[in-house]
Structures are given as C-alpha cells and as structure tokens.
Protein backbone atom coordinates (compact mmCIF):
# COMPACT_ATOMS: atom_id res chain seq x y z
CA MET A 1 -14.09 16.39 -4.49
CA GLY A 2 -10.90 15.18 -6.09
CA ASN A 3 -8.72 17.34 -8.27
CA ALA A 4 -9.43 17.43 -11.99
CA ILE A 5 -6.66 16.39 -14.36
CA ASN A 6 -6.51 15.87 -18.09
CA SER A 7 -6.91 12.22 -18.93
CA GLY A 8 -4.79 12.41 -22.06
CA THR A 9 -2.75 14.64 -24.39
CA ASN A 10 -5.79 15.78 -26.42
CA LYS A 11 -6.87 19.04 -24.90
CA ARG A 12 -10.48 18.41 -25.96
CA GLU A 13 -10.69 15.36 -23.80
CA LYS A 14 -12.81 15.80 -20.61
CA GLN A 15 -11.13 16.49 -17.32
CA ARG A 16 -10.76 13.34 -15.08
CA GLN A 17 -12.20 13.88 -11.65
CA LEU A 18 -10.03 11.73 -9.42
CA PRO A 19 -11.23 10.08 -6.18
CA LYS A 20 -10.08 12.13 -3.23
CA ARG A 21 -8.70 9.06 -1.56
CA LEU A 22 -7.57 5.58 -2.61
CA ILE A 23 -7.70 3.37 0.53
CA LEU A 24 -5.97 -0.07 0.53
CA VAL A 25 -6.87 -2.67 3.08
CA ARG A 26 -5.42 -6.12 3.62
CA HIS A 27 -7.88 -8.82 4.75
CA GLY A 28 -8.19 -9.64 8.43
CA GLU A 29 -6.42 -12.56 10.06
CA SER A 30 -7.29 -15.78 8.17
CA GLU A 31 -7.07 -19.43 9.15
CA GLY A 32 -4.06 -19.72 6.80
CA ASN A 33 -2.28 -16.94 8.66
CA LEU A 34 -2.52 -18.99 11.83
CA ASP A 35 -1.70 -22.33 10.36
CA LYS A 36 -0.01 -22.69 6.96
CA ASN A 37 -1.07 -26.38 6.92
CA VAL A 38 -4.62 -25.15 6.16
CA TYR A 39 -3.55 -24.63 2.58
CA ALA A 40 -2.88 -28.38 2.28
CA ILE A 41 -6.56 -29.15 2.76
CA THR A 42 -8.34 -25.92 1.68
CA PRO A 43 -8.09 -24.12 -1.68
CA ASP A 44 -6.54 -20.69 -1.24
CA HIS A 45 -9.64 -18.84 -2.36
CA ARG A 46 -11.84 -20.64 0.25
CA VAL A 47 -9.67 -19.88 3.30
CA GLN A 48 -11.79 -18.03 5.89
CA LEU A 49 -11.20 -15.28 8.44
CA THR A 50 -10.80 -16.16 12.06
CA GLN A 51 -13.01 -14.52 14.64
CA LYS A 52 -10.11 -12.20 15.42
CA GLY A 53 -9.85 -11.40 11.73
CA LYS A 54 -13.49 -10.33 11.66
CA GLU A 55 -12.94 -8.07 14.62
CA GLN A 56 -9.86 -6.56 13.00
CA ALA A 57 -11.89 -5.85 9.83
CA LYS A 58 -14.65 -4.25 11.80
CA LYS A 59 -12.12 -1.86 13.48
CA SER A 60 -10.70 -1.04 10.08
CA GLY A 61 -14.18 -0.06 8.93
CA GLU A 62 -14.44 2.32 11.81
CA ILE A 63 -11.05 3.78 10.97
CA ILE A 64 -12.00 4.33 7.29
CA ARG A 65 -15.35 5.96 8.20
CA GLY A 66 -13.55 8.23 10.64
CA VAL A 67 -11.36 9.38 7.76
CA VAL A 68 -13.98 9.85 5.03
CA CYS A 69 -16.55 11.34 7.36
CA ASP A 70 -14.14 13.67 9.16
CA LYS A 71 -15.91 15.96 11.69
CA GLY A 72 -19.26 14.55 10.75
CA ASN A 73 -18.90 15.50 7.02
CA CYS A 74 -20.61 12.62 5.37
CA SER A 75 -20.98 14.09 1.94
CA SER A 76 -18.26 11.61 1.06
CA LYS A 77 -19.15 8.52 -0.85
CA VAL A 78 -17.44 5.15 -0.84
CA TYR A 79 -16.93 2.64 -3.65
CA PHE A 80 -15.48 -0.79 -2.83
CA TYR A 81 -13.38 -3.04 -5.01
CA VAL A 82 -12.68 -6.44 -3.48
CA SER A 83 -10.72 -9.59 -4.32
CA PRO A 84 -13.07 -12.53 -4.91
CA PHE A 85 -11.41 -14.70 -2.26
CA LEU A 86 -13.52 -15.63 0.72
CA ARG A 87 -11.35 -13.88 3.30
CA THR A 88 -11.44 -10.56 1.42
CA ARG A 89 -15.19 -10.75 0.97
CA GLU A 90 -15.66 -11.49 4.69
CA THR A 91 -13.41 -8.51 5.38
CA LEU A 92 -15.58 -6.30 3.15
CA LYS A 93 -18.68 -7.36 5.03
CA GLU A 94 -17.25 -6.27 8.38
CA ILE A 95 -15.88 -3.04 6.98
CA GLY A 96 -19.16 -2.21 5.20
CA ALA A 97 -21.06 -2.43 8.45
CA ALA A 98 -19.48 0.86 9.57
CA PHE A 99 -21.31 2.74 6.81
CA CYS A 100 -24.91 3.68 6.05
CA SER A 101 -26.31 2.40 2.74
CA SER A 102 -26.58 5.97 1.43
CA GLU A 103 -22.82 6.42 1.85
CA ILE A 104 -21.89 3.41 -0.31
CA VAL A 105 -22.26 4.01 -4.01
CA GLY A 106 -21.10 0.61 -5.23
CA VAL A 107 -19.09 -2.58 -4.74
CA ARG A 108 -17.48 -4.78 -7.34
CA GLU A 109 -15.60 -8.04 -7.15
CA GLU A 110 -12.36 -7.67 -9.13
CA CYS A 111 -10.61 -10.90 -10.09
CA ARG A 112 -7.40 -9.00 -10.84
CA LEU A 113 -7.09 -8.20 -7.14
CA ARG A 114 -6.81 -11.91 -6.19
CA GLU A 115 -3.84 -13.27 -4.22
CA MET A 116 -0.74 -14.13 -6.06
CA ASP A 117 -0.73 -17.75 -7.26
CA TYR A 118 1.80 -19.69 -5.31
CA ALA A 119 0.82 -22.88 -7.08
CA LYS A 120 1.98 -25.83 -4.90
CA PHE A 121 0.47 -24.93 -1.57
CA LYS A 122 -0.31 -28.54 -0.71
CA ASN A 123 3.35 -29.28 -0.10
CA THR A 124 4.12 -26.79 2.68
CA GLU A 125 7.75 -27.96 3.16
CA LYS A 126 8.45 -27.47 -0.56
CA MET A 127 6.82 -24.05 -0.43
CA GLU A 128 9.21 -22.97 2.32
CA GLU A 129 12.13 -24.06 0.10
CA TYR A 130 10.75 -21.95 -2.80
CA LYS A 131 10.40 -18.91 -0.52
CA LYS A 132 13.99 -19.24 0.61
CA GLU A 133 15.01 -19.56 -3.02
CA ARG A 134 12.99 -16.40 -3.82
CA GLU A 135 14.91 -14.46 -1.17
CA LYS A 136 18.17 -15.24 -2.90
CA TYR A 137 16.88 -14.71 -6.40
CA GLY A 138 14.96 -11.48 -5.75
CA LYS A 139 11.32 -11.38 -4.68
CA PHE A 140 9.89 -9.37 -7.53
CA PHE A 141 10.96 -11.50 -10.47
CA TYR A 142 10.95 -14.92 -8.87
CA ARG A 143 8.13 -17.07 -10.25
CA PHE A 144 6.87 -19.95 -8.14
CA PRO A 145 6.86 -23.22 -10.29
CA GLY A 146 3.43 -23.40 -11.84
CA GLY A 147 2.44 -20.06 -10.27
CA GLU A 148 3.15 -16.36 -10.55
CA SER A 149 5.80 -13.81 -9.86
CA ALA A 150 5.24 -10.35 -8.49
CA ALA A 151 6.01 -9.07 -11.95
CA ASP A 152 3.09 -11.14 -13.27
CA VAL A 153 0.90 -9.57 -10.58
CA TYR A 154 2.07 -6.09 -11.62
CA ASP A 155 0.72 -6.74 -15.13
CA ARG A 156 -2.80 -7.56 -13.90
CA VAL A 157 -2.82 -4.80 -11.22
CA SER A 158 -1.87 -2.29 -13.97
CA GLY A 159 -4.87 -3.41 -15.96
CA PHE A 160 -7.07 -2.94 -12.87
CA ILE A 161 -5.81 0.65 -12.40
CA ASP A 162 -6.42 1.41 -16.10
CA SER A 163 -9.94 0.05 -15.71
CA LEU A 164 -10.54 2.18 -12.58
CA TRP A 165 -9.55 5.34 -14.48
CA SER A 166 -11.78 4.29 -17.39
CA ASP A 167 -14.72 3.71 -15.05
CA ILE A 168 -14.31 7.19 -13.66
CA ASP A 169 -13.94 8.74 -17.18
CA MET A 170 -17.11 6.98 -18.29
CA ASP A 171 -19.07 8.03 -15.15
CA MET A 172 -19.63 4.41 -14.12
CA ILE A 173 -19.12 5.25 -10.44
CA PRO A 174 -22.19 7.28 -9.39
CA TYR A 175 -21.38 10.22 -7.15
CA GLY A 176 -22.36 13.93 -7.14
CA ALA A 177 -20.32 16.90 -8.30
CA ASN A 178 -20.11 18.12 -4.74
CA GLU A 179 -19.26 14.80 -3.15
CA ASP A 180 -15.80 13.42 -2.35
CA LEU A 181 -15.26 9.90 -3.65
CA ASN A 182 -13.28 7.41 -1.69
CA VAL A 183 -12.23 4.18 -3.51
CA VAL A 184 -11.54 1.39 -1.03
CA VAL A 185 -9.66 -1.64 -2.25
CA ILE A 186 -9.75 -4.81 -0.15
CA SER A 187 -7.09 -7.24 -1.23
CA HIS A 188 -3.89 -9.09 -0.14
CA GLY A 189 -0.49 -8.07 1.13
CA LEU A 190 1.50 -8.41 -2.07
CA ILE A 191 -1.24 -6.95 -4.20
CA ILE A 192 -1.28 -3.83 -2.06
CA ARG A 193 2.48 -3.39 -2.37
CA VAL A 194 2.25 -3.81 -6.12
CA LEU A 195 -0.63 -1.34 -6.34
CA LEU A 196 1.55 1.20 -4.47
CA MET A 197 4.35 0.48 -6.85
CA ARG A 198 2.12 1.04 -9.88
CA ILE A 199 0.70 4.36 -8.60
CA PHE A 200 4.02 5.78 -7.33
CA ARG A 201 6.20 4.29 -10.10
CA TRP A 202 8.50 2.51 -7.63
CA THR A 203 11.21 0.10 -8.86
CA PRO A 204 11.35 -3.67 -8.28
CA GLU A 205 14.24 -3.14 -5.89
CA GLN A 206 12.18 -0.66 -3.81
CA VAL A 207 9.21 -3.05 -3.73
CA ASP A 208 11.48 -5.93 -2.60
CA ASN A 209 12.29 -3.81 0.53
CA LEU A 210 8.66 -3.11 1.42
CA ILE A 211 7.06 -4.72 4.46
CA SER A 212 3.72 -6.42 3.83
CA PRO A 213 0.69 -4.84 5.50
CA LYS A 214 -0.49 -6.43 8.68
CA ASN A 215 -3.85 -8.11 8.70
CA ALA A 216 -6.62 -5.49 8.26
CA GLU A 217 -4.06 -2.75 8.04
CA VAL A 218 -5.26 0.41 6.28
CA ARG A 219 -3.05 2.50 3.97
CA ILE A 220 -4.49 5.76 2.85
CA MET A 221 -3.47 7.73 -0.27
CA GLU A 222 -5.02 11.19 -0.60
CA LEU A 223 -4.67 13.88 -3.25
CA GLY A 224 -2.13 16.45 -2.32
CA HIS A 225 -2.04 20.20 -2.99
CA GLU A 226 -0.92 19.69 -6.61
CA GLY A 227 -3.25 16.75 -7.49
CA GLU A 228 -0.83 13.88 -6.82
CA TYR A 229 -1.66 10.98 -4.47
CA SER A 230 0.44 10.70 -1.37
CA LEU A 231 0.78 8.53 1.71
CA ALA A 232 2.22 11.37 3.74
CA LEU A 233 -1.09 13.17 4.36
CA HIS A 234 -2.24 10.34 6.69
CA HIS A 235 0.92 8.50 7.69
CA ASP A 236 3.98 10.00 9.47
CA ASP A 237 7.69 9.38 8.63
CA GLU A 238 8.03 6.76 11.30
CA THR A 239 5.19 4.71 9.83
CA LEU A 240 6.53 5.03 6.35
CA VAL A 241 9.97 3.86 7.52
CA LYS A 242 8.34 0.86 9.20
CA TRP A 243 6.66 0.04 5.88
CA GLY A 244 10.09 -0.14 4.16
CA LEU A 245 10.10 3.23 2.42
CA SER A 246 13.58 4.75 1.94
CA ALA A 247 14.44 8.35 2.71
CA GLU A 248 14.25 9.10 -0.99
CA MET A 249 10.79 7.63 -1.21
CA ILE A 250 9.59 9.58 1.72
CA VAL A 251 10.82 12.83 0.20
CA ASP A 252 8.85 11.91 -2.90
CA GLN A 253 5.65 11.34 -0.79
CA LYS A 254 6.00 14.77 0.84
CA LEU A 255 6.45 16.52 -2.59
CA ARG A 256 3.31 14.76 -3.73
CA ALA A 257 1.47 15.89 -0.59
CA TYR A 258 2.66 19.46 -0.12
CA GLY A 259 4.55 20.53 -3.23
CA PRO A 260 6.12 22.45 -4.69
CA MET A 261 5.11 20.64 -7.86
CA VAL A 262 8.16 19.22 -9.62
CA ASP A 263 8.79 16.74 -12.35
CA LEU A 264 8.36 13.63 -10.23
CA ASP A 265 10.24 11.52 -12.73
CA LYS A 266 13.31 13.58 -11.90
CA CYS A 267 13.10 12.80 -8.20
CA PHE A 268 15.04 9.60 -8.85
CA PHE A 269 17.10 10.99 -11.69
CA SER A 270 20.48 10.41 -10.06
CA ARG A 271 19.74 6.71 -9.64
CA TYR A 272 20.11 6.26 -13.40
CA PHE A 273 22.52 9.04 -14.37
CA ASP A 274 25.33 9.62 -11.89
CA CYS A 275 28.04 10.55 -14.37
CA LEU A 276 26.61 12.95 -16.89
CA ALA A 277 29.06 15.30 -18.68
CA ASP A 278 27.37 18.40 -17.28
CA LYS A 279 26.99 17.13 -13.71
C-alpha cells in the first residue's frame, strides 16, 4: 500500500493514502504518426492506432502487469485514467487485456488528458512553420494560433492531479486497505511531460529539454522510502538522461527514491539565489 501523508495543514484531516505507483503511458503508434497528412482529413480525436500501435500497446500492458504483479503478487489493483481520443482508448483496450477483471478496480475517461490543441492541423505546411517558430520562441509558452500552449495544458493537467487526490481522499477509488493501488494514465506525449512537470515541480526550461515518450512507452513513478514519487526506482540514470533529465534533476529523483529526506524545494535553491550575502 502507498505511504500515508497528511492532505493538508489541519492535523485533524484524514491521512491521504497515496497510490503506490503512478504509471504514465503514451498511446501506441497512430496513423498520424506515420503520415502527418492524415490530420488534413481526419479530426485529431478520431485518428486510430496502426496494427503496430496495437501490438506496442499490448506489450506495454504486459510490462505494466509484470511491475504491479511482481513475483506473482497480485494483491495490487489498477485504476485507469484515459484521454478520450480514439488512439488512447484503443491503447487502453490492448493494455487492459493483460489483466484479470478482478485486478482492475475502475476506468475513467478524462477530458483534461486530451492532446494539446494545435488548431490548424489541416494546413500541414503552415503547421511546420509554427513548430519552427515555437523552437525559437520557447516550446512551453508558445501558443499555436487558435490553439493551446504547453502552459495552457499545464493548467488543465494541474486540475486533473487535484481531482485525482480528491478522488482518493473521498474513497472514490475502491481498493482494500491491504492492497497496493496503481494508477495508470494513458495519454499523449506532451501531456505526460507536463504531468511529470506538475508532480516534480520542474521549470518550463527543464520541460523544454525533455524528450517526448516513444509510442506506447511506459514511465513509472513509485513511492520512495520517504513517501515521495520517483522515476529512479524503475529507470536507471542512462534512461533518465535519454529522456532529457539534467544531472540536477536525476539527483532529485534519487533523493525522492532513497532519501535522506530533505527539503526538496531547496534542491534547486542555487538556481534562483547565487549571490546571497551569507553564501
């Protein structure tokens, strides 16, 4: 079972029982990943997986089940949140096939996990111009004309995280006191990066340097020794570097995983204050 933490400053509030793992999965290969011109004739939310994408998702399901049912321990329960787009729902179907019905305690479509709105997909040449402009401007704050920026996505993803904690506090996710809960989020590349940003309090500059997950890639956060989520319990340094994490960010992940417990806000202290009088 996940560690218990206080959900607020009032000591009389009940202790929040966190999921043992938060597992993020990007959808499998889609028709749009193979050919960007698909977006000129098909609305983004209706783009389907390719056969390869379905096979990728099926393998991801096997990977996830291997983690949550380690050494045959299937007292773990799984709750799915999924973007309402067709390609993510198809990915969920393939991943879910790896589990028994008794292991899945719920599934919910969550509109706030939808892909970022790029707006003018029909003009693929113009879209490429916008993407080049975004590289110069800065990825996080650049808003596509008529669409969204990553900063806009951050706002709705933050709302989703708050709702997740609220669902847990209100016992809306059914699982037993002796069972580990695993929350699996099936979404899109940028959404996954922004989710990580929200949970680990990364900066826009750090997020700009992150590499988008590959199709059907699984990124696993697990509660560390001191009750903080960390990527370092399931992913080695080499993998984290490939994902775009800096040395500073990797140190932070290891502190979250193994301790000692420190004030995590001070891990990046020198970034903001490099000339204090008592330095």
